[in-house]
Amino acid sequence: MTEIEVPMLEIAREYLDAAIEFFLERAKFFCAIHLAGAAGELFDAHLPETEQSFPVAWKAEKALMSETGPIPSNAEARQSVNKWKNEIKHMDEGTCRTVTIDPEFAAECLIEKALVSFYKLKLQKSPAIWKFEDHQNRKSQARG
């Protein structure tokens, strides 16, 4: 067996492409959620902190949560942003053995979130990303 050195951006791209392929095949949505979430984290890590999507997302989530209830802590807002990804990949002792989720919607949201950071990095689009964009454009035109 031969070890190789692999750039983390290359791994993130593979995760994102696989997530998109699963999503477009309308299969394995939980894999798509997990992979898109991981891709988004890796892409974000390559951006300056001021351009990362996660801090913006949890601050926006905190503001939204404040409108319907008490002001949440930063940790609560962060947890809410990562809820879907973490619910399907962690099971702490004593926690529920099921999850209530719309897997297709969650996968789509996490793919779009990963793409925000991908676009900021100005990386070359893969065929999977082009297909996802075409899918999203057709979906928008059908609604419009």
Protein backbone atom coordinates (compact mmCIF):
# COMPACT_ATOMS: atom_id res chain seq x y z
CA MET A 1 0.00 0.00 0.00
CA THR A 2 1.32 3.45 -0.92
CA GLU A 3 0.49 6.55 1.05
CA ILE A 4 -0.08 9.76 -0.86
CA GLU A 5 -0.41 13.36 0.21
CA VAL A 6 -3.82 14.76 -0.71
CA PRO A 7 -4.82 18.44 -0.48
CA MET A 8 -7.86 18.96 1.75
CA LEU A 9 -9.51 21.02 -1.00
CA GLU A 10 -9.37 17.97 -3.26
CA ILE A 11 -11.09 15.91 -0.56
CA ALA A 12 -13.73 18.62 -0.10
CA ARG A 13 -14.41 18.64 -3.83
CA GLU A 14 -14.83 14.86 -3.85
CA TYR A 15 -17.25 15.08 -0.91
CA LEU A 16 -19.27 17.81 -2.61
CA ASP A 17 -19.39 15.98 -5.95
CA ALA A 18 -20.57 12.78 -4.24
CA ALA A 19 -23.20 14.70 -2.24
CA ILE A 20 -24.51 16.29 -5.44
CA GLU A 21 -24.58 12.96 -7.27
CA PHE A 22 -26.56 11.32 -4.46
CA PHE A 23 -28.92 14.29 -4.31
CA LEU A 24 -29.56 14.34 -8.07
CA GLU A 25 -30.09 10.58 -8.10
CA ARG A 26 -32.68 11.15 -5.35
CA ALA A 27 -30.94 8.45 -3.34
CA LYS A 28 -28.84 8.31 -0.21
CA PHE A 29 -29.90 11.72 1.07
CA PHE A 30 -28.29 11.06 4.46
CA CYS A 31 -24.95 10.43 2.76
CA ALA A 32 -25.46 13.67 0.83
CA ILE A 33 -26.15 15.57 4.07
CA HIS A 34 -23.03 14.19 5.73
CA LEU A 35 -20.77 14.73 2.72
CA ALA A 36 -22.04 18.23 1.92
CA GLY A 37 -21.63 19.25 5.56
CA ALA A 38 -18.04 17.98 5.62
CA ALA A 39 -17.27 19.64 2.29
CA GLY A 40 -18.62 22.95 3.53
CA GLU A 41 -16.45 22.79 6.66
CA LEU A 42 -13.34 22.04 4.62
CA PHE A 43 -14.02 24.80 2.09
CA ASP A 44 -14.67 27.27 4.92
CA ALA A 45 -11.35 26.37 6.54
CA HIS A 46 -9.58 27.65 3.41
CA LEU A 47 -11.24 31.06 3.60
CA PRO A 48 -10.36 34.02 5.81
CA GLU A 49 -12.56 33.97 8.89
CA THR A 50 -14.43 37.06 7.70
CA GLU A 51 -15.53 35.21 4.53
CA GLN A 52 -16.48 31.87 6.07
CA SER A 53 -20.14 30.95 5.72
CA PHE A 54 -20.51 29.24 9.10
CA PRO A 55 -20.06 32.38 11.26
CA VAL A 56 -22.50 34.30 9.05
CA ALA A 57 -24.99 31.41 9.22
CA TRP A 58 -24.97 31.06 12.99
CA LYS A 59 -25.23 34.82 13.53
CA ALA A 60 -28.22 34.94 11.19
CA GLU A 61 -29.71 31.91 12.97
CA LYS A 62 -29.25 33.66 16.31
CA ALA A 63 -31.12 36.71 15.00
CA LEU A 64 -33.95 34.54 13.62
CA MET A 65 -34.24 32.53 16.83
CA SER A 66 -34.41 35.79 18.81
CA GLU A 67 -37.50 36.85 16.88
CA THR A 68 -39.55 33.89 18.12
CA GLY A 69 -38.21 33.43 21.63
CA PRO A 70 -35.51 34.31 24.10
CA ILE A 71 -32.14 35.34 22.68
CA PRO A 72 -30.13 32.14 22.28
CA SER A 73 -26.51 31.78 23.26
CA ASN A 74 -23.87 31.66 20.56
CA ALA A 75 -23.46 27.93 21.24
CA GLU A 76 -27.21 27.33 20.78
CA ALA A 77 -27.19 29.20 17.47
CA ARG A 78 -24.12 27.27 16.27
CA GLN A 79 -25.76 23.99 17.27
CA SER A 80 -28.92 24.93 15.37
CA VAL A 81 -26.96 25.66 12.17
CA ASN A 82 -25.28 22.25 12.36
CA LYS A 83 -28.40 20.44 13.53
CA TRP A 84 -29.13 18.32 10.46
CA LYS A 85 -25.53 17.29 9.85
CA ASN A 86 -24.89 16.46 13.50
CA GLU A 87 -28.20 14.70 14.11
CA ILE A 88 -27.48 12.12 11.44
CA LYS A 89 -23.84 11.50 12.33
CA HIS A 90 -23.82 11.51 16.14
CA MET A 91 -25.71 9.48 18.65
CA ASP A 92 -24.77 10.24 22.21
CA GLU A 93 -25.67 7.87 24.99
CA GLY A 94 -29.21 8.44 26.16
CA THR A 95 -30.29 10.34 23.05
CA CYS A 96 -33.20 9.50 20.82
CA ARG A 97 -32.68 6.64 18.38
CA THR A 98 -34.61 8.42 15.61
CA VAL A 99 -34.44 11.76 13.85
CA THR A 100 -37.22 13.87 12.37
CA ILE A 101 -35.94 15.47 9.19
CA ASP A 102 -36.76 16.22 5.57
CA PRO A 103 -33.62 14.58 4.14
CA GLU A 104 -34.03 15.93 0.61
CA PHE A 105 -34.45 19.52 1.84
CA ALA A 106 -31.56 19.20 4.31
CA ALA A 107 -29.25 17.76 1.64
CA GLU A 108 -30.12 20.56 -0.78
CA CYS A 109 -29.51 23.24 1.86
CA LEU A 110 -26.15 21.83 2.88
CA ILE A 111 -25.03 21.45 -0.74
CA GLU A 112 -25.97 25.08 -1.38
CA LYS A 113 -24.16 26.16 1.79
CA ALA A 114 -21.00 24.29 0.71
CA LEU A 115 -21.24 25.88 -2.72
CA VAL A 116 -21.20 29.38 -1.20
CA SER A 117 -17.71 28.73 0.18
CA PHE A 118 -16.70 26.86 -2.98
CA TYR A 119 -17.59 29.90 -5.11
CA LYS A 120 -15.71 32.24 -2.78
CA LEU A 121 -12.60 30.11 -3.31
CA LYS A 122 -13.03 30.60 -7.08
CA LEU A 123 -12.43 26.92 -7.79
CA GLN A 124 -13.16 25.31 -11.14
CA LYS A 125 -16.62 23.77 -11.32
CA SER A 126 -16.88 20.02 -11.75
CA PRO A 127 -19.44 18.33 -14.00
CA ALA A 128 -21.46 17.51 -10.86
CA ILE A 129 -21.65 21.18 -9.88
CA TRP A 130 -22.75 22.15 -13.40
CA LYS A 131 -25.49 19.49 -13.20
CA PHE A 132 -26.62 20.75 -9.80
CA GLU A 133 -26.77 24.34 -11.06
CA ASP A 134 -28.79 23.21 -14.09
CA HIS A 135 -31.15 21.33 -11.77
CA GLN A 136 -31.59 24.39 -9.54
CA ASN A 137 -32.16 26.66 -12.56
CA ARG A 138 -34.82 24.33 -14.01
CA LYS A 139 -36.48 24.18 -10.60
CA SER A 140 -36.52 28.00 -10.37
CA GLN A 141 -37.94 28.35 -13.89
CA ALA A 142 -40.68 25.85 -13.11
CA ARG A 143 -41.73 27.96 -10.09
CA GLY A 144 -41.47 31.27 -11.93
